[in-house]
mmCIF file of all heavy atoms, coordinates in Angstrom:
data_MODEL
# 
_entry.id   MODEL 
# 
loop_
_atom_site.group_PDB 
_atom_site.id 
_atom_site.type_symbol 
_atom_site.label_atom_id 
_atom_site.label_alt_id 
_atom_site.label_comp_id 
_atom_site.label_asym_id 
_atom_site.label_entity_id 
_atom_site.label_seq_id 
_atom_site.pdbx_PDB_ins_code 
_atom_site.Cartn_x 
_atom_site.Cartn_y 
_atom_site.Cartn_z 
_atom_site.occupancy 
_atom_site.B_iso_or_equiv 
_atom_site.pdbx_formal_charge 
_atom_site.auth_seq_id 
_atom_site.auth_comp_id 
_atom_site.auth_asym_id 
_atom_site.auth_atom_id 
_atom_site.pdbx_PDB_model_num 
ATOM 1   N N   . ASN A 1 1  ? 13.876  -15.215 -10.719 1.00 0.00 ? 1  ASN A N   1 
ATOM 2   C CA  . ASN A 1 1  ? 14.126  -14.058 -9.859  1.00 0.00 ? 1  ASN A CA  1 
ATOM 3   C C   . ASN A 1 1  ? 13.632  -14.443 -8.474  1.00 0.00 ? 1  ASN A C   1 
ATOM 4   O O   . ASN A 1 1  ? 12.901  -15.417 -8.309  1.00 0.00 ? 1  ASN A O   1 
ATOM 5   C CB  . ASN A 1 1  ? 13.368  -12.833 -10.367 1.00 0.00 ? 1  ASN A CB  1 
ATOM 6   C CG  . ASN A 1 1  ? 13.869  -12.385 -11.715 1.00 0.00 ? 1  ASN A CG  1 
ATOM 7   O OD1 . ASN A 1 1  ? 15.031  -12.091 -11.890 1.00 0.00 ? 1  ASN A OD1 1 
ATOM 8   N ND2 . ASN A 1 1  ? 12.979  -12.369 -12.696 1.00 0.00 ? 1  ASN A ND2 1 
ATOM 9   N N   . TYR A 1 2  ? 14.006  -13.670 -7.480  1.00 0.00 ? 2  TYR A N   1 
ATOM 10  C CA  . TYR A 1 2  ? 13.548  -13.989 -6.131  1.00 0.00 ? 2  TYR A CA  1 
ATOM 11  C C   . TYR A 1 2  ? 13.439  -12.729 -5.290  1.00 0.00 ? 2  TYR A C   1 
ATOM 12  O O   . TYR A 1 2  ? 13.996  -11.686 -5.625  1.00 0.00 ? 2  TYR A O   1 
ATOM 13  C CB  . TYR A 1 2  ? 14.477  -14.996 -5.447  1.00 0.00 ? 2  TYR A CB  1 
ATOM 14  C CG  . TYR A 1 2  ? 15.811  -14.422 -5.042  1.00 0.00 ? 2  TYR A CG  1 
ATOM 15  C CD1 . TYR A 1 2  ? 16.020  -13.944 -3.754  1.00 0.00 ? 2  TYR A CD1 1 
ATOM 16  C CD2 . TYR A 1 2  ? 16.859  -14.358 -5.942  1.00 0.00 ? 2  TYR A CD2 1 
ATOM 17  C CE1 . TYR A 1 2  ? 17.237  -13.412 -3.368  1.00 0.00 ? 2  TYR A CE1 1 
ATOM 18  C CE2 . TYR A 1 2  ? 18.082  -13.836 -5.575  1.00 0.00 ? 2  TYR A CE2 1 
ATOM 19  C CZ  . TYR A 1 2  ? 18.267  -13.359 -4.289  1.00 0.00 ? 2  TYR A CZ  1 
ATOM 20  O OH  . TYR A 1 2  ? 19.475  -12.826 -3.919  1.00 0.00 ? 2  TYR A OH  1 
ATOM 21  N N   . TYR A 1 3  ? 12.698  -12.846 -4.214  1.00 0.00 ? 3  TYR A N   1 
ATOM 22  C CA  . TYR A 1 3  ? 12.674  -11.813 -3.190  1.00 0.00 ? 3  TYR A CA  1 
ATOM 23  C C   . TYR A 1 3  ? 12.530  -12.487 -1.841  1.00 0.00 ? 3  TYR A C   1 
ATOM 24  O O   . TYR A 1 3  ? 12.097  -13.633 -1.741  1.00 0.00 ? 3  TYR A O   1 
ATOM 25  C CB  . TYR A 1 3  ? 11.585  -10.760 -3.428  1.00 0.00 ? 3  TYR A CB  1 
ATOM 26  C CG  . TYR A 1 3  ? 10.169  -11.277 -3.434  1.00 0.00 ? 3  TYR A CG  1 
ATOM 27  C CD1 . TYR A 1 3  ? 9.422   -11.325 -2.258  1.00 0.00 ? 3  TYR A CD1 1 
ATOM 28  C CD2 . TYR A 1 3  ? 9.560   -11.689 -4.612  1.00 0.00 ? 3  TYR A CD2 1 
ATOM 29  C CE1 . TYR A 1 3  ? 8.116   -11.781 -2.255  1.00 0.00 ? 3  TYR A CE1 1 
ATOM 30  C CE2 . TYR A 1 3  ? 8.256   -12.143 -4.622  1.00 0.00 ? 3  TYR A CE2 1 
ATOM 31  C CZ  . TYR A 1 3  ? 7.538   -12.187 -3.446  1.00 0.00 ? 3  TYR A CZ  1 
ATOM 32  O OH  . TYR A 1 3  ? 6.251   -12.637 -3.436  1.00 0.00 ? 3  TYR A OH  1 
ATOM 33  N N   . ILE A 1 4  ? 12.930  -11.779 -0.806  1.00 0.00 ? 4  ILE A N   1 
ATOM 34  C CA  . ILE A 1 4  ? 12.897  -12.302 0.557   1.00 0.00 ? 4  ILE A CA  1 
ATOM 35  C C   . ILE A 1 4  ? 12.089  -11.334 1.411   1.00 0.00 ? 4  ILE A C   1 
ATOM 36  O O   . ILE A 1 4  ? 12.287  -10.124 1.340   1.00 0.00 ? 4  ILE A O   1 
ATOM 37  C CB  . ILE A 1 4  ? 14.319  -12.428 1.141   1.00 0.00 ? 4  ILE A CB  1 
ATOM 38  C CG1 . ILE A 1 4  ? 15.177  -13.344 0.264   1.00 0.00 ? 4  ILE A CG1 1 
ATOM 39  C CG2 . ILE A 1 4  ? 14.267  -12.939 2.578   1.00 0.00 ? 4  ILE A CG2 1 
ATOM 40  C CD1 . ILE A 1 4  ? 16.660  -13.302 0.607   1.00 0.00 ? 4  ILE A CD1 1 
ATOM 41  N N   . ILE A 1 5  ? 11.182  -11.883 2.221   1.00 0.00 ? 5  ILE A N   1 
ATOM 42  C CA  . ILE A 1 5  ? 10.442  -11.074 3.190   1.00 0.00 ? 5  ILE A CA  1 
ATOM 43  C C   . ILE A 1 5  ? 10.897  -11.516 4.574   1.00 0.00 ? 5  ILE A C   1 
ATOM 44  O O   . ILE A 1 5  ? 10.626  -12.634 4.996   1.00 0.00 ? 5  ILE A O   1 
ATOM 45  C CB  . ILE A 1 5  ? 8.921   -11.255 3.056   1.00 0.00 ? 5  ILE A CB  1 
ATOM 46  C CG1 . ILE A 1 5  ? 8.462   -10.905 1.642   1.00 0.00 ? 5  ILE A CG1 1 
ATOM 47  C CG2 . ILE A 1 5  ? 8.194   -10.405 4.094   1.00 0.00 ? 5  ILE A CG2 1 
ATOM 48  C CD1 . ILE A 1 5  ? 7.013   -11.237 1.377   1.00 0.00 ? 5  ILE A CD1 1 
ATOM 49  N N   . ASN A 1 6  ? 11.636  -10.660 5.238   1.00 0.00 ? 6  ASN A N   1 
ATOM 50  C CA  . ASN A 1 6  ? 12.086  -10.946 6.596   1.00 0.00 ? 6  ASN A CA  1 
ATOM 51  C C   . ASN A 1 6  ? 11.001  -10.573 7.591   1.00 0.00 ? 6  ASN A C   1 
ATOM 52  O O   . ASN A 1 6  ? 10.275  -9.608  7.387   1.00 0.00 ? 6  ASN A O   1 
ATOM 53  C CB  . ASN A 1 6  ? 13.366  -10.172 6.902   1.00 0.00 ? 6  ASN A CB  1 
ATOM 54  C CG  . ASN A 1 6  ? 14.512  -10.614 6.020   1.00 0.00 ? 6  ASN A CG  1 
ATOM 55  O OD1 . ASN A 1 6  ? 14.798  -11.795 5.921   1.00 0.00 ? 6  ASN A OD1 1 
ATOM 56  N ND2 . ASN A 1 6  ? 15.162  -9.678  5.364   1.00 0.00 ? 6  ASN A ND2 1 
ATOM 57  N N   . ASP A 1 7  ? 10.894  -11.346 8.671   1.00 0.00 ? 7  ASP A N   1 
ATOM 58  C CA  . ASP A 1 7  ? 9.888   -11.104 9.714   1.00 0.00 ? 7  ASP A CA  1 
ATOM 59  C C   . ASP A 1 7  ? 8.514   -10.859 9.085   1.00 0.00 ? 7  ASP A C   1 
ATOM 60  O O   . ASP A 1 7  ? 7.894   -9.823  9.269   1.00 0.00 ? 7  ASP A O   1 
ATOM 61  C CB  . ASP A 1 7  ? 10.312  -9.914  10.586  1.00 0.00 ? 7  ASP A CB  1 
ATOM 62  C CG  . ASP A 1 7  ? 9.452   -9.729  11.825  1.00 0.00 ? 7  ASP A CG  1 
ATOM 63  O OD1 . ASP A 1 7  ? 8.634   -10.613 12.148  1.00 0.00 ? 7  ASP A OD1 1 
ATOM 64  O OD2 . ASP A 1 7  ? 9.588   -8.672  12.470  1.00 0.00 ? 7  ASP A OD2 1 
ATOM 65  N N   . PRO A 1 8  ? 8.020   -11.836 8.319   1.00 0.00 ? 8  PRO A N   1 
ATOM 66  C CA  . PRO A 1 8  ? 6.795   -11.613 7.558   1.00 0.00 ? 8  PRO A CA  1 
ATOM 67  C C   . PRO A 1 8  ? 5.568   -11.267 8.393   1.00 0.00 ? 8  PRO A C   1 
ATOM 68  O O   . PRO A 1 8  ? 4.698   -10.535 7.920   1.00 0.00 ? 8  PRO A O   1 
ATOM 69  C CB  . PRO A 1 8  ? 6.587   -12.924 6.792   1.00 0.00 ? 8  PRO A CB  1 
ATOM 70  C CG  . PRO A 1 8  ? 7.381   -13.934 7.528   1.00 0.00 ? 8  PRO A CG  1 
ATOM 71  C CD  . PRO A 1 8  ? 8.524   -13.193 8.149   1.00 0.00 ? 8  PRO A CD  1 
ATOM 72  N N   . TYR A 1 9  ? 5.487   -11.757 9.616   1.00 0.00 ? 9  TYR A N   1 
ATOM 73  C CA  . TYR A 1 9  ? 4.300   -11.454 10.419  1.00 0.00 ? 9  TYR A CA  1 
ATOM 74  C C   . TYR A 1 9  ? 4.117   -9.948  10.571  1.00 0.00 ? 9  TYR A C   1 
ATOM 75  O O   . TYR A 1 9  ? 2.998   -9.444  10.548  1.00 0.00 ? 9  TYR A O   1 
ATOM 76  C CB  . TYR A 1 9  ? 4.379   -12.122 11.795  1.00 0.00 ? 9  TYR A CB  1 
ATOM 77  C CG  . TYR A 1 9  ? 3.077   -12.014 12.552  1.00 0.00 ? 9  TYR A CG  1 
ATOM 78  C CD1 . TYR A 1 9  ? 2.027   -12.887 12.278  1.00 0.00 ? 9  TYR A CD1 1 
ATOM 79  C CD2 . TYR A 1 9  ? 2.876   -11.029 13.500  1.00 0.00 ? 9  TYR A CD2 1 
ATOM 80  C CE1 . TYR A 1 9  ? 0.817   -12.783 12.942  1.00 0.00 ? 9  TYR A CE1 1 
ATOM 81  C CE2 . TYR A 1 9  ? 1.670   -10.919 14.166  1.00 0.00 ? 9  TYR A CE2 1 
ATOM 82  C CZ  . TYR A 1 9  ? 0.641   -11.796 13.886  1.00 0.00 ? 9  TYR A CZ  1 
ATOM 83  O OH  . TYR A 1 9  ? -0.559  -11.673 14.539  1.00 0.00 ? 9  TYR A OH  1 
ATOM 84  N N   . ASN A 1 10 ? 5.209   -9.231  10.687  1.00 0.00 ? 10 ASN A N   1 
ATOM 85  C CA  . ASN A 1 10 ? 5.146   -7.778  10.868  1.00 0.00 ? 10 ASN A CA  1 
ATOM 86  C C   . ASN A 1 10 ? 5.366   -7.000  9.577   1.00 0.00 ? 10 ASN A C   1 
ATOM 87  O O   . ASN A 1 10 ? 5.300   -5.770  9.585   1.00 0.00 ? 10 ASN A O   1 
ATOM 88  C CB  . ASN A 1 10 ? 6.169   -7.335  11.915  1.00 0.00 ? 10 ASN A CB  1 
ATOM 89  C CG  . ASN A 1 10 ? 5.813   -7.854  13.286  1.00 0.00 ? 10 ASN A CG  1 
ATOM 90  O OD1 . ASN A 1 10 ? 4.708   -7.651  13.758  1.00 0.00 ? 10 ASN A OD1 1 
ATOM 91  N ND2 . ASN A 1 10 ? 6.738   -8.552  13.909  1.00 0.00 ? 10 ASN A ND2 1 
ATOM 92  N N   . ASN A 1 11 ? 5.644   -7.695  8.462   1.00 0.00 ? 11 ASN A N   1 
ATOM 93  C CA  . ASN A 1 11 ? 5.985   -6.988  7.230   1.00 0.00 ? 11 ASN A CA  1 
ATOM 94  C C   . ASN A 1 11 ? 5.137   -7.379  6.026   1.00 0.00 ? 11 ASN A C   1 
ATOM 95  O O   . ASN A 1 11 ? 5.538   -7.146  4.899   1.00 0.00 ? 11 ASN A O   1 
ATOM 96  C CB  . ASN A 1 11 ? 7.468   -7.213  6.902   1.00 0.00 ? 11 ASN A CB  1 
ATOM 97  C CG  . ASN A 1 11 ? 8.365   -6.520  7.886   1.00 0.00 ? 11 ASN A CG  1 
ATOM 98  O OD1 . ASN A 1 11 ? 8.210   -5.345  8.171   1.00 0.00 ? 11 ASN A OD1 1 
ATOM 99  N ND2 . ASN A 1 11 ? 9.299   -7.255  8.441   1.00 0.00 ? 11 ASN A ND2 1 
ATOM 100 N N   . ILE A 1 12 ? 3.977   -7.976  6.261   1.00 0.00 ? 12 ILE A N   1 
ATOM 101 C CA  . ILE A 1 12 ? 3.059   -8.276  5.165   1.00 0.00 ? 12 ILE A CA  1 
ATOM 102 C C   . ILE A 1 12 ? 1.650   -7.835  5.543   1.00 0.00 ? 12 ILE A C   1 
ATOM 103 O O   . ILE A 1 12 ? 1.336   -7.678  6.713   1.00 0.00 ? 12 ILE A O   1 
ATOM 104 C CB  . ILE A 1 12 ? 3.039   -9.782  4.798   1.00 0.00 ? 12 ILE A CB  1 
ATOM 105 C CG1 . ILE A 1 12 ? 2.547   -10.633 5.970   1.00 0.00 ? 12 ILE A CG1 1 
ATOM 106 C CG2 . ILE A 1 12 ? 4.387   -10.249 4.302   1.00 0.00 ? 12 ILE A CG2 1 
ATOM 107 C CD1 . ILE A 1 12 ? 2.306   -12.093 5.643   1.00 0.00 ? 12 ILE A CD1 1 
ATOM 108 N N   . GLN A 1 13 ? 0.838   -7.637  4.516   1.00 0.00 ? 13 GLN A N   1 
ATOM 109 C CA  . GLN A 1 13 ? -0.583  -7.389  4.756   1.00 0.00 ? 13 GLN A CA  1 
ATOM 110 C C   . GLN A 1 13 ? -1.255  -8.748  4.824   1.00 0.00 ? 13 GLN A C   1 
ATOM 111 O O   . GLN A 1 13 ? -1.033  -9.594  3.964   1.00 0.00 ? 13 GLN A O   1 
ATOM 112 C CB  . GLN A 1 13 ? -1.179  -6.580  3.613   1.00 0.00 ? 13 GLN A CB  1 
ATOM 113 C CG  . GLN A 1 13 ? -0.619  -5.197  3.512   1.00 0.00 ? 13 GLN A CG  1 
ATOM 114 C CD  . GLN A 1 13 ? -1.231  -4.450  2.346   1.00 0.00 ? 13 GLN A CD  1 
ATOM 115 O OE1 . GLN A 1 13 ? -2.330  -4.752  1.896   1.00 0.00 ? 13 GLN A OE1 1 
ATOM 116 N NE2 . GLN A 1 13 ? -0.511  -3.468  1.849   1.00 0.00 ? 13 GLN A NE2 1 
ATOM 117 N N   . LYS A 1 14 ? -2.048  -8.966  5.830   1.00 0.00 ? 14 LYS A N   1 
ATOM 118 C CA  . LYS A 1 14 ? -2.693  -10.261 6.028   1.00 0.00 ? 14 LYS A CA  1 
ATOM 119 C C   . LYS A 1 14 ? -4.193  -10.120 5.814   1.00 0.00 ? 14 LYS A C   1 
ATOM 120 O O   . LYS A 1 14 ? -4.853  -9.394  6.525   1.00 0.00 ? 14 LYS A O   1 
ATOM 121 C CB  . LYS A 1 14 ? -2.395  -10.790 7.432   1.00 0.00 ? 14 LYS A CB  1 
ATOM 122 C CG  . LYS A 1 14 ? -0.916  -11.005 7.690   1.00 0.00 ? 14 LYS A CG  1 
ATOM 123 C CD  . LYS A 1 14 ? -0.611  -11.310 9.146   1.00 0.00 ? 14 LYS A CD  1 
ATOM 124 C CE  . LYS A 1 14 ? -0.420  -10.150 10.040  1.00 0.00 ? 14 LYS A CE  1 
ATOM 125 N NZ  . LYS A 1 14 ? 0.640   -9.218  9.806   1.00 0.00 ? 14 LYS A NZ  1 
ATOM 126 N N   . GLU A 1 15 ? -4.695  -10.811 4.789   1.00 0.00 ? 15 GLU A N   1 
ATOM 127 C CA  . GLU A 1 15 ? -6.134  -10.809 4.509   1.00 0.00 ? 15 GLU A CA  1 
ATOM 128 C C   . GLU A 1 15 ? -6.574  -12.248 4.279   1.00 0.00 ? 15 GLU A C   1 
ATOM 129 O O   . GLU A 1 15 ? -6.011  -12.934 3.431   1.00 0.00 ? 15 GLU A O   1 
ATOM 130 C CB  . GLU A 1 15 ? -6.436  -9.994  3.250   1.00 0.00 ? 15 GLU A CB  1 
ATOM 131 C CG  . GLU A 1 15 ? -6.142  -8.525  3.391   1.00 0.00 ? 15 GLU A CG  1 
ATOM 132 C CD  . GLU A 1 15 ? -6.458  -7.758  2.115   1.00 0.00 ? 15 GLU A CD  1 
ATOM 133 O OE1 . GLU A 1 15 ? -7.205  -8.286  1.270   1.00 0.00 ? 15 GLU A OE1 1 
ATOM 134 O OE2 . GLU A 1 15 ? -5.942  -6.653  1.973   1.00 0.00 ? 15 GLU A OE2 1 
ATOM 135 N N   . PRO A 1 16 ? -7.578  -12.729 5.001   1.00 0.00 ? 16 PRO A N   1 
ATOM 136 C CA  . PRO A 1 16 ? -8.068  -14.092 4.754   1.00 0.00 ? 16 PRO A CA  1 
ATOM 137 C C   . PRO A 1 16 ? -8.604  -14.222 3.328   1.00 0.00 ? 16 PRO A C   1 
ATOM 138 O O   . PRO A 1 16 ? -9.289  -13.333 2.844   1.00 0.00 ? 16 PRO A O   1 
ATOM 139 C CB  . PRO A 1 16 ? -9.196  -14.276 5.760   1.00 0.00 ? 16 PRO A CB  1 
ATOM 140 C CG  . PRO A 1 16 ? -9.124  -13.127 6.693   1.00 0.00 ? 16 PRO A CG  1 
ATOM 141 C CD  . PRO A 1 16 ? -8.324  -12.054 6.044   1.00 0.00 ? 16 PRO A CD  1 
ATOM 142 N N   . SER A 1 17 ? -8.277  -15.317 2.677   1.00 0.00 ? 17 SER A N   1 
ATOM 143 C CA  . SER A 1 17 ? -8.772  -15.503 1.319   1.00 0.00 ? 17 SER A CA  1 
ATOM 144 C C   . SER A 1 17 ? -9.473  -16.846 1.128   1.00 0.00 ? 17 SER A C   1 
ATOM 145 O O   . SER A 1 17 ? -10.008 -17.116 0.072   1.00 0.00 ? 17 SER A O   1 
ATOM 146 C CB  . SER A 1 17 ? -7.635  -15.373 0.315   1.00 0.00 ? 17 SER A CB  1 
ATOM 147 O OG  . SER A 1 17 ? -6.662  -16.362 0.551   1.00 0.00 ? 17 SER A OG  1 
ATOM 148 N N   . LYS A 1 18 ? -9.462  -17.702 2.135   1.00 0.00 ? 18 LYS A N   1 
ATOM 149 C CA  . LYS A 1 18 ? -10.151 -18.988 2.055   1.00 0.00 ? 18 LYS A CA  1 
ATOM 150 C C   . LYS A 1 18 ? -11.020 -19.166 3.280   1.00 0.00 ? 18 LYS A C   1 
ATOM 151 O O   . LYS A 1 18 ? -10.641 -18.785 4.383   1.00 0.00 ? 18 LYS A O   1 
ATOM 152 C CB  . LYS A 1 18 ? -9.152  -20.137 2.003   1.00 0.00 ? 18 LYS A CB  1 
ATOM 153 C CG  . LYS A 1 18 ? -8.406  -20.241 0.715   1.00 0.00 ? 18 LYS A CG  1 
ATOM 154 C CD  . LYS A 1 18 ? -7.572  -21.494 0.712   1.00 0.00 ? 18 LYS A CD  1 
ATOM 155 C CE  . LYS A 1 18 ? -6.911  -21.686 -0.626  1.00 0.00 ? 18 LYS A CE  1 
ATOM 156 N NZ  . LYS A 1 18 ? -6.166  -22.953 -0.681  1.00 0.00 ? 18 LYS A NZ  1 
ATOM 157 N N   . TYR A 1 19 ? -12.161 -19.741 3.053   1.00 0.00 ? 19 TYR A N   1 
ATOM 158 C CA  . TYR A 1 19 ? -13.077 -20.006 4.150   1.00 0.00 ? 19 TYR A CA  1 
ATOM 159 C C   . TYR A 1 19 ? -13.612 -21.417 3.994   1.00 0.00 ? 19 TYR A C   1 
ATOM 160 O O   . TYR A 1 19 ? -13.905 -21.864 2.889   1.00 0.00 ? 19 TYR A O   1 
ATOM 161 C CB  . TYR A 1 19 ? -14.229 -19.007 4.157   1.00 0.00 ? 19 TYR A CB  1 
ATOM 162 C CG  . TYR A 1 19 ? -13.774 -17.612 4.426   1.00 0.00 ? 19 TYR A CG  1 
ATOM 163 C CD1 . TYR A 1 19 ? -13.410 -16.772 3.396   1.00 0.00 ? 19 TYR A CD1 1 
ATOM 164 C CD2 . TYR A 1 19 ? -13.683 -17.133 5.730   1.00 0.00 ? 19 TYR A CD2 1 
ATOM 165 C CE1 . TYR A 1 19 ? -12.970 -15.483 3.645   1.00 0.00 ? 19 TYR A CE1 1 
ATOM 166 C CE2 . TYR A 1 19 ? -13.251 -15.860 5.984   1.00 0.00 ? 19 TYR A CE2 1 
ATOM 167 C CZ  . TYR A 1 19 ? -12.895 -15.033 4.944   1.00 0.00 ? 19 TYR A CZ  1 
ATOM 168 O OH  . TYR A 1 19 ? -12.454 -13.778 5.203   1.00 0.00 ? 19 TYR A OH  1 
ATOM 169 N N   . LYS A 1 20 ? -13.748 -22.105 5.064   1.00 0.00 ? 20 LYS A N   1 
ATOM 170 C CA  . LYS A 1 20 ? -14.387 -23.407 5.063   1.00 0.00 ? 20 LYS A CA  1 
ATOM 171 C C   . LYS A 1 20 ? -15.886 -23.169 5.197   1.00 0.00 ? 20 LYS A C   1 
ATOM 172 O O   . LYS A 1 20 ? -16.322 -22.455 6.086   1.00 0.00 ? 20 LYS A O   1 
ATOM 173 C CB  . LYS A 1 20 ? -13.864 -24.229 6.237   1.00 0.00 ? 20 LYS A CB  1 
ATOM 174 C CG  . LYS A 1 20 ? -14.319 -25.656 6.237   1.00 0.00 ? 20 LYS A CG  1 
ATOM 175 C CD  . LYS A 1 20 ? -13.618 -26.410 7.353   1.00 0.00 ? 20 LYS A CD  1 
ATOM 176 C CE  . LYS A 1 20 ? -13.923 -27.866 7.308   1.00 0.00 ? 20 LYS A CE  1 
ATOM 177 N NZ  . LYS A 1 20 ? -13.181 -28.605 8.348   1.00 0.00 ? 20 LYS A NZ  1 
ATOM 178 N N   . VAL A 1 21 ? -16.649 -23.741 4.299   1.00 0.00 ? 21 VAL A N   1 
ATOM 179 C CA  . VAL A 1 21 ? -18.097 -23.512 4.291   1.00 0.00 ? 21 VAL A CA  1 
ATOM 180 C C   . VAL A 1 21 ? -18.803 -24.794 4.723   1.00 0.00 ? 21 VAL A C   1 
ATOM 181 O O   . VAL A 1 21 ? -18.642 -25.837 4.108   1.00 0.00 ? 21 VAL A O   1 
ATOM 182 C CB  . VAL A 1 21 ? -18.581 -23.087 2.887   1.00 0.00 ? 21 VAL A CB  1 
ATOM 183 C CG1 . VAL A 1 21 ? -20.084 -22.915 2.882   1.00 0.00 ? 21 VAL A CG1 1 
ATOM 184 C CG2 . VAL A 1 21 ? -17.873 -21.822 2.455   1.00 0.00 ? 21 VAL A CG2 1 
ATOM 185 N N   . LEU A 1 22 ? -19.569 -24.689 5.788   1.00 0.00 ? 22 LEU A N   1 
ATOM 186 C CA  . LEU A 1 22 ? -20.331 -25.804 6.330   1.00 0.00 ? 22 LEU A CA  1 
ATOM 187 C C   . LEU A 1 22 ? -21.762 -25.351 6.568   1.00 0.00 ? 22 LEU A C   1 
ATOM 188 O O   . LEU A 1 22 ? -21.994 -24.189 6.905   1.00 0.00 ? 22 LEU A O   1 
ATOM 189 C CB  . LEU A 1 22 ? -19.730 -26.281 7.657   1.00 0.00 ? 22 LEU A CB  1 
ATOM 190 C CG  . LEU A 1 22 ? -18.286 -26.750 7.619   1.00 0.00 ? 22 LEU A CG  1 
ATOM 191 C CD1 . LEU A 1 22 ? -17.760 -26.929 9.043   1.00 0.00 ? 22 LEU A CD1 1 
ATOM 192 C CD2 . LEU A 1 22 ? -18.171 -28.038 6.858   1.00 0.00 ? 22 LEU A CD2 1 
ATOM 193 N N   . PRO A 1 23 ? -22.719 -26.258 6.449   1.00 0.00 ? 23 PRO A N   1 
ATOM 194 C CA  . PRO A 1 23 ? -24.085 -25.859 6.765   1.00 0.00 ? 23 PRO A CA  1 
ATOM 195 C C   . PRO A 1 23 ? -24.196 -25.572 8.255   1.00 0.00 ? 23 PRO A C   1 
ATOM 196 O O   . PRO A 1 23 ? -23.521 -26.192 9.075   1.00 0.00 ? 23 PRO A O   1 
ATOM 197 C CB  . PRO A 1 23 ? -24.919 -27.077 6.378   1.00 0.00 ? 23 PRO A CB  1 
ATOM 198 C CG  . PRO A 1 23 ? -23.974 -28.198 6.250   1.00 0.00 ? 23 PRO A CG  1 
ATOM 199 C CD  . PRO A 1 23 ? -22.615 -27.636 6.025   1.00 0.00 ? 23 PRO A CD  1 
ATOM 200 N N   . SER A 1 24 ? -25.008 -24.614 8.587   1.00 0.00 ? 24 SER A N   1 
ATOM 201 C CA  . SER A 1 24 ? -25.219 -24.315 10.007  1.00 0.00 ? 24 SER A CA  1 
ATOM 202 C C   . SER A 1 24 ? -26.002 -25.443 10.641  1.00 0.00 ? 24 SER A C   1 
ATOM 203 O O   . SER A 1 24 ? -26.697 -26.200 9.970   1.00 0.00 ? 24 SER A O   1 
ATOM 204 C CB  . SER A 1 24 ? -25.938 -22.983 10.176  1.00 0.00 ? 24 SER A CB  1 
ATOM 205 O OG  . SER A 1 24 ? -27.239 -23.081 9.658   1.00 0.00 ? 24 SER A OG  1 
ATOM 206 N N   . LYS A 1 25 ? -25.905 -25.556 11.952  1.00 0.00 ? 25 LYS A N   1 
ATOM 207 C CA  . LYS A 1 25 ? -26.637 -26.603 12.660  1.00 0.00 ? 25 LYS A CA  1 
ATOM 208 C C   . LYS A 1 25 ? -28.139 -26.399 12.530  1.00 0.00 ? 25 LYS A C   1 
ATOM 209 O O   . LYS A 1 25 ? -28.905 -27.336 12.493  1.00 0.00 ? 25 LYS A O   1 
ATOM 210 C CB  . LYS A 1 25 ? -26.209 -26.640 14.127  1.00 0.00 ? 25 LYS A CB  1 
ATOM 211 C CG  . LYS A 1 25 ? -24.773 -27.110 14.271  1.00 0.00 ? 25 LYS A CG  1 
ATOM 212 C CD  . LYS A 1 25 ? -24.349 -27.158 15.699  1.00 0.00 ? 25 LYS A CD  1 
ATOM 213 C CE  . LYS A 1 25 ? -22.896 -27.603 15.771  1.00 0.00 ? 25 LYS A CE  1 
ATOM 214 N NZ  . LYS A 1 25 ? -22.405 -27.741 17.105  1.00 0.00 ? 25 LYS A NZ  1 
# 
């Protein structure tokens, strides 16, 4: 099956789900 999201920048919910983890200086 398939679906299409046109103009995704304006038609999706955007939530960060990955973070790069580094020790602080």
